[in-house]
Amino acid sequence: MKNKRKYCSNCSKELSSKNEGDTPRDYCEKCNVYYYDNPLPVASNIVMKDREILLVKRKNAPFKGLWCLPMGFAESGESIESAALRELVEETGIIGKIVSLVDVSSGNSDMYGDLLHLTFETEWTGGVLMAGDDALALNFFPFGSLPDMAFRSNVDAIEKFISSKEEYWTILDSFSTGDMV
């Protein structure tokens, strides 16, 4: 469970609780400062090859051994897009380019508290595919045969991504088979 803040980061005085409007917040009486608990941003990537999606097998808790999109927390001072691309390189060795935002959702983690998940469609532009230090394995999976996934936010984003591409893929397939839609 996420640890509760106890002390002011400015003066080290013990915090109290004070309502700001109707919301109780941590408050430092000495500094006259409210502290806000904001969700942590998590950036993930959907990378495709031949209508298969790249997944990472997790090496660490939480959900060690389960699969997920290449993903991680944004750091202070970096954009959410930069965080997604950094995590892609760290976990998979590949370099990418953001194509579009696929999904935004909220969630909660016992370890980190409230999370804000942003998932991007990312084009593979370079690098060499290899598991990073926090990945047990990497693999491309067909959309209809995904393994057990670590995070519901990934499953939801993948479903939204597939739904957004179905008509496009149908049109592409009609050209390759000679059928006209």
C-alpha atoms as a PDB file:
ATOM      1  CA  MET A   1       0.000   0.000   0.000  1.00  0.00           C
ATOM      2  CA  LYS A   2       1.205   3.514  -0.820  1.00  0.00           C
ATOM      3  CA  ASN A   3       2.719   5.264   2.205  1.00  0.00           C
ATOM      4  CA  LYS A   4       0.898   8.302   3.502  1.00  0.00           C
ATOM      5  CA  ARG A   5       2.804  11.577   3.587  1.00  0.00           C
ATOM      6  CA  LYS A   6       3.652  12.620   7.198  1.00  0.00           C
ATOM      7  CA  TYR A   7       5.921  15.662   6.989  1.00  0.00           C
ATOM      8  CA  CYS A   8       6.157  18.903   5.035  1.00  0.00           C
ATOM      9  CA  SER A   9       8.775  18.684   2.283  1.00  0.00           C
ATOM     10  CA  ASN A  10       9.655  22.384   2.862  1.00  0.00           C
ATOM     11  CA  CYS A  11      10.066  22.668   6.652  1.00  0.00           C
ATOM     12  CA  SER A  12       9.790  19.036   7.908  1.00  0.00           C
ATOM     13  CA  LYS A  13       6.934  19.941  10.275  1.00  0.00           C
ATOM     14  CA  GLU A  14       4.365  17.206  10.842  1.00  0.00           C
ATOM     15  CA  LEU A  15       1.360  17.663   8.561  1.00  0.00           C
ATOM     16  CA  SER A  16      -2.223  17.996   9.685  1.00  0.00           C
ATOM     17  CA  SER A  17      -5.437  17.563   7.736  1.00  0.00           C
ATOM     18  CA  LYS A  18      -7.391  20.627   6.638  1.00  0.00           C
ATOM     19  CA  ASN A  19     -10.340  20.933   4.315  1.00  0.00           C
ATOM     20  CA  GLU A  20      -9.829  22.832   1.093  1.00  0.00           C
ATOM     21  CA  GLY A  21     -13.414  23.395   0.069  1.00  0.00           C
ATOM     22  CA  ASP A  22     -15.073  20.053   0.760  1.00  0.00           C
ATOM     23  CA  THR A  23     -11.886  18.005   0.330  1.00  0.00           C
ATOM     24  CA  PRO A  24      -9.640  17.053   3.265  1.00  0.00           C
ATOM     25  CA  ARG A  25      -5.967  17.471   2.324  1.00  0.00           C
ATOM     26  CA  ASP A  26      -2.582  17.196   3.986  1.00  0.00           C
ATOM     27  CA  TYR A  27      -1.664  20.656   5.208  1.00  0.00           C
ATOM     28  CA  CYS A  28       1.400  22.362   6.713  1.00  0.00           C
ATOM     29  CA  GLU A  29       0.345  25.051   9.169  1.00  0.00           C
ATOM     30  CA  LYS A  30       3.824  26.622   9.291  1.00  0.00           C
ATOM     31  CA  CYS A  31       4.178  26.978   5.496  1.00  0.00           C
ATOM     32  CA  ASN A  32       0.433  27.471   4.852  1.00  0.00           C
ATOM     33  CA  VAL A  33       0.643  24.878   2.062  1.00  0.00           C
ATOM     34  CA  TYR A  34      -1.814  22.197   0.962  1.00  0.00           C
ATOM     35  CA  TYR A  35      -0.440  18.942  -0.440  1.00  0.00           C
ATOM     36  CA  TYR A  36      -2.235  17.254  -3.318  1.00  0.00           C
ATOM     37  CA  ASP A  37      -2.302  13.568  -4.139  1.00  0.00           C
ATOM     38  CA  ASN A  38      -2.222  13.399  -7.923  1.00  0.00           C
ATOM     39  CA  PRO A  39      -2.243  10.238 -10.008  1.00  0.00           C
ATOM     40  CA  LEU A  40       1.071   8.985 -11.353  1.00  0.00           C
ATOM     41  CA  PRO A  41       1.251   8.996 -15.163  1.00  0.00           C
ATOM     42  CA  VAL A  42       1.981   5.665 -16.842  1.00  0.00           C
ATOM     43  CA  ALA A  43       2.866   5.574 -20.554  1.00  0.00           C
ATOM     44  CA  SER A  44       2.512   2.443 -22.675  1.00  0.00           C
ATOM     45  CA  ASN A  45       3.125   1.543 -26.314  1.00  0.00           C
ATOM     46  CA  ILE A  46       1.246  -0.559 -28.835  1.00  0.00           C
ATOM     47  CA  VAL A  47       3.819  -1.669 -31.404  1.00  0.00           C
ATOM     48  CA  MET A  48       2.605  -3.845 -34.294  1.00  0.00           C
ATOM     49  CA  LYS A  49       4.312  -6.082 -36.800  1.00  0.00           C
ATOM     50  CA  ASP A  50       2.187  -8.036 -39.304  1.00  0.00           C
ATOM     51  CA  ARG A  51      -0.920  -7.490 -37.159  1.00  0.00           C
ATOM     52  CA  GLU A  52       0.781  -8.867 -34.122  1.00  0.00           C
ATOM     53  CA  ILE A  53       1.431  -6.850 -30.987  1.00  0.00           C
ATOM     54  CA  LEU A  54       4.692  -6.605 -29.060  1.00  0.00           C
ATOM     55  CA  LEU A  55       4.443  -7.653 -25.415  1.00  0.00           C
ATOM     56  CA  VAL A  56       6.959  -7.777 -22.574  1.00  0.00           C
ATOM     57  CA  LYS A  57       7.071 -10.593 -20.005  1.00  0.00           C
ATOM     58  CA  ARG A  58       7.559  -8.899 -16.620  1.00  0.00           C
ATOM     59  CA  LYS A  59      10.700  -9.735 -14.667  1.00  0.00           C
ATOM     60  CA  ASN A  60       9.690  -7.865 -11.499  1.00  0.00           C
ATOM     61  CA  ALA A  61       6.718  -7.360  -9.206  1.00  0.00           C
ATOM     62  CA  PRO A  62       3.981  -6.501  -9.481  1.00  0.00           C
ATOM     63  CA  PHE A  63       2.702  -9.331 -11.692  1.00  0.00           C
ATOM     64  CA  LYS A  64       6.087 -10.934 -12.320  1.00  0.00           C
ATOM     65  CA  GLY A  65       5.874 -13.458 -15.171  1.00  0.00           C
ATOM     66  CA  LEU A  66       2.771 -11.950 -16.775  1.00  0.00           C
ATOM     67  CA  TRP A  67       2.769 -10.042 -20.053  1.00  0.00           C
ATOM     68  CA  CYS A  68       2.167  -6.338 -20.670  1.00  0.00           C
ATOM     69  CA  LEU A  69       2.723  -3.611 -23.213  1.00  0.00           C
ATOM     70  CA  PRO A  70       6.113  -1.882 -23.075  1.00  0.00           C
ATOM     71  CA  MET A  71       5.335   0.690 -20.389  1.00  0.00           C
ATOM     72  CA  GLY A  72       6.434   2.624 -17.342  1.00  0.00           C
ATOM     73  CA  PHE A  73       6.116   5.756 -15.264  1.00  0.00           C
ATOM     74  CA  ALA A  74       6.794   9.203 -16.658  1.00  0.00           C
ATOM     75  CA  GLU A  75       9.613  11.020 -14.876  1.00  0.00           C
ATOM     76  CA  SER A  76       9.448  14.626 -13.720  1.00  0.00           C
ATOM     77  CA  GLY A  77      10.474  16.965 -16.507  1.00  0.00           C
ATOM     78  CA  GLU A  78       9.669  14.637 -19.410  1.00  0.00           C
ATOM     79  CA  SER A  79       6.607  14.656 -21.617  1.00  0.00           C
ATOM     80  CA  ILE A  80       4.327  11.646 -21.546  1.00  0.00           C
ATOM     81  CA  GLU A  81       5.303  10.912 -25.169  1.00  0.00           C
ATOM     82  CA  SER A  82       9.001  10.991 -24.267  1.00  0.00           C
ATOM     83  CA  ALA A  83       8.300   8.669 -21.341  1.00  0.00           C
ATOM     84  CA  ALA A  84       6.571   6.181 -23.641  1.00  0.00           C
ATOM     85  CA  LEU A  85       9.475   6.208 -26.092  1.00  0.00           C
ATOM     86  CA  ARG A  86      12.082   5.959 -23.304  1.00  0.00           C
ATOM     87  CA  GLU A  87      10.313   2.967 -21.779  1.00  0.00           C
ATOM     88  CA  LEU A  88      10.098   1.335 -25.215  1.00  0.00           C
ATOM     89  CA  VAL A  89      13.878   1.549 -25.633  1.00  0.00           C
ATOM     90  CA  GLU A  90      14.587   0.458 -22.044  1.00  0.00           C
ATOM     91  CA  GLU A  91      12.325  -2.589 -22.183  1.00  0.00           C
ATOM     92  CA  THR A  92      12.660  -3.711 -25.804  1.00  0.00           C
ATOM     93  CA  GLY A  93      15.765  -2.127 -27.331  1.00  0.00           C
ATOM     94  CA  ILE A  94      13.745  -0.616 -30.153  1.00  0.00           C
ATOM     95  CA  ILE A  95      13.345   3.016 -31.121  1.00  0.00           C
ATOM     96  CA  GLY A  96       9.896   4.272 -31.981  1.00  0.00           C
ATOM     97  CA  LYS A  97       7.831   7.198 -33.150  1.00  0.00           C
ATOM     98  CA  ILE A  98       4.455   8.065 -31.629  1.00  0.00           C
ATOM     99  CA  VAL A  99       1.669   7.679 -34.210  1.00  0.00           C
ATOM    100  CA  SER A 100      -1.374   8.506 -32.091  1.00  0.00           C
ATOM    101  CA  LEU A 101      -2.959   8.399 -28.667  1.00  0.00           C
ATOM    102  CA  VAL A 102      -5.035   5.218 -28.366  1.00  0.00           C
ATOM    103  CA  ASP A 103      -6.472   5.294 -24.860  1.00  0.00           C
ATOM    104  CA  VAL A 104      -6.517   7.155 -21.555  1.00  0.00           C
ATOM    105  CA  SER A 105      -7.802   5.508 -18.391  1.00  0.00           C
ATOM    106  CA  SER A 106      -7.539   5.756 -14.628  1.00  0.00           C
ATOM    107  CA  GLY A 107      -6.681   2.997 -12.224  1.00  0.00           C
ATOM    108  CA  ASN A 108      -5.390   2.266  -8.764  1.00  0.00           C
ATOM    109  CA  SER A 109      -2.423   0.284  -7.537  1.00  0.00           C
ATOM    110  CA  ASP A 110      -1.911  -0.942  -3.982  1.00  0.00           C
ATOM    111  CA  MET A 111       1.769  -0.091  -4.402  1.00  0.00           C
ATOM    112  CA  TYR A 112       1.559   3.318  -6.127  1.00  0.00           C
ATOM    113  CA  GLY A 113      -1.934   4.663  -5.479  1.00  0.00           C
ATOM    114  CA  ASP A 114      -3.916   6.355  -8.251  1.00  0.00           C
ATOM    115  CA  LEU A 115      -2.558   5.977 -11.780  1.00  0.00           C
ATOM    116  CA  LEU A 116      -3.308   7.659 -15.088  1.00  0.00           C
ATOM    117  CA  HIS A 117      -2.640   5.292 -18.024  1.00  0.00           C
ATOM    118  CA  LEU A 118      -1.904   6.741 -21.480  1.00  0.00           C
ATOM    119  CA  THR A 119      -1.417   4.292 -24.339  1.00  0.00           C
ATOM    120  CA  PHE A 120       0.086   5.246 -27.684  1.00  0.00           C
ATOM    121  CA  GLU A 121       0.264   3.544 -31.049  1.00  0.00           C
ATOM    122  CA  THR A 122       4.008   3.575 -31.717  1.00  0.00           C
ATOM    123  CA  GLU A 123       5.808   2.835 -34.976  1.00  0.00           C
ATOM    124  CA  TRP A 124       9.028   0.807 -34.784  1.00  0.00           C
ATOM    125  CA  THR A 125      11.673   2.975 -36.514  1.00  0.00           C
ATOM    126  CA  GLY A 126      15.006   1.482 -35.414  1.00  0.00           C
ATOM    127  CA  GLY A 127      17.027  -0.336 -32.798  1.00  0.00           C
ATOM    128  CA  VAL A 128      17.443  -4.038 -32.153  1.00  0.00           C
ATOM    129  CA  LEU A 129      14.716  -6.069 -30.453  1.00  0.00           C
ATOM    130  CA  MET A 130      16.088  -7.424 -27.158  1.00  0.00           C
ATOM    131  CA  ALA A 131      14.686  -7.806 -23.668  1.00  0.00           C
ATOM    132  CA  GLY A 132      15.738  -5.044 -21.280  1.00  0.00           C
ATOM    133  CA  ASP A 133      16.902  -5.590 -17.726  1.00  0.00           C
ATOM    134  CA  ASP A 134      13.350  -5.611 -16.348  1.00  0.00           C
ATOM    135  CA  ALA A 135      11.960  -8.023 -18.976  1.00  0.00           C
ATOM    136  CA  LEU A 136      12.106 -11.822 -18.945  1.00  0.00           C
ATOM    137  CA  ALA A 137      11.151 -12.056 -22.612  1.00  0.00           C
ATOM    138  CA  LEU A 138       9.630 -10.234 -25.575  1.00  0.00           C
ATOM    139  CA  ASN A 139       7.282 -11.625 -28.168  1.00  0.00           C
ATOM    140  CA  PHE A 140       4.828 -10.576 -30.846  1.00  0.00           C
ATOM    141  CA  PHE A 141       1.363 -12.080 -30.360  1.00  0.00           C
ATOM    142  CA  PRO A 142      -1.631 -12.213 -32.711  1.00  0.00           C
ATOM    143  CA  PHE A 143      -4.478 -10.084 -31.382  1.00  0.00           C
ATOM    144  CA  GLY A 144      -6.718 -13.125 -31.009  1.00  0.00           C
ATOM    145  CA  SER A 145      -4.137 -15.073 -28.973  1.00  0.00           C
ATOM    146  CA  LEU A 146      -2.864 -12.762 -26.267  1.00  0.00           C
ATOM    147  CA  PRO A 147      -1.344 -14.401 -23.169  1.00  0.00           C
ATOM    148  CA  ASP A 148      -2.416 -13.635 -19.600  1.00  0.00           C
ATOM    149  CA  MET A 149      -1.965  -9.898 -19.206  1.00  0.00           C
ATOM    150  CA  ALA A 150      -0.721  -8.111 -16.084  1.00  0.00           C
ATOM    151  CA  PHE A 151      -2.815  -4.960 -16.397  1.00  0.00           C
ATOM    152  CA  ARG A 152      -6.459  -4.397 -17.279  1.00  0.00           C
ATOM    153  CA  SER A 153      -5.544  -0.993 -18.726  1.00  0.00           C
ATOM    154  CA  ASN A 154      -3.417  -2.775 -21.372  1.00  0.00           C
ATOM    155  CA  VAL A 155      -6.245  -5.138 -22.303  1.00  0.00           C
ATOM    156  CA  ASP A 156      -8.699  -2.245 -22.630  1.00  0.00           C
ATOM    157  CA  ALA A 157      -6.269  -0.199 -24.750  1.00  0.00           C
ATOM    158  CA  ILE A 158      -5.555  -3.147 -27.051  1.00  0.00           C
ATOM    159  CA  GLU A 159      -9.287  -3.768 -27.520  1.00  0.00           C
ATOM    160  CA  LYS A 160      -9.828  -0.085 -28.345  1.00  0.00           C
ATOM    161  CA  PHE A 161      -6.875  -0.151 -30.767  1.00  0.00           C
ATOM    162  CA  ILE A 162      -8.159  -3.242 -32.599  1.00  0.00           C
ATOM    163  CA  SER A 163     -11.638  -1.755 -32.830  1.00  0.00           C
ATOM    164  CA  SER A 164     -10.227   1.452 -34.327  1.00  0.00           C
ATOM    165  CA  LYS A 165      -8.317  -0.489 -37.017  1.00  0.00           C
ATOM    166  CA  GLU A 166     -10.915  -3.105 -38.084  1.00  0.00           C
ATOM    167  CA  GLU A 167     -12.408  -1.114 -40.964  1.00  0.00           C
ATOM    168  CA  TYR A 168      -8.957  -0.107 -42.225  1.00  0.00           C
ATOM    169  CA  TRP A 169      -7.742  -3.715 -42.146  1.00  0.00           C
ATOM    170  CA  THR A 170     -10.884  -4.893 -43.944  1.00  0.00           C
ATOM    171  CA  ILE A 171     -10.199  -2.418 -46.741  1.00  0.00           C
ATOM    172  CA  LEU A 172      -6.548  -3.482 -46.958  1.00  0.00           C
ATOM    173  CA  ASP A 173      -7.541  -7.146 -47.030  1.00  0.00           C
ATOM    174  CA  SER A 174     -10.030  -6.492 -49.857  1.00  0.00           C
ATOM    175  CA  PHE A 175      -7.216  -5.150 -52.037  1.00  0.00           C
ATOM    176  CA  SER A 176      -4.977  -8.142 -51.369  1.00  0.00           C
ATOM    177  CA  THR A 177      -7.734 -10.673 -52.160  1.00  0.00           C
ATOM    178  CA  GLY A 178      -9.211  -8.765 -55.103  1.00  0.00           C
ATOM    179  CA  ASP A 179     -12.581  -8.405 -53.327  1.00  0.00           C
ATOM    180  CA  MET A 180     -14.149  -4.980 -53.359  1.00  0.00           C
ATOM    181  CA  VAL A 181     -15.977  -3.848 -50.250  1.00  0.00           C
END
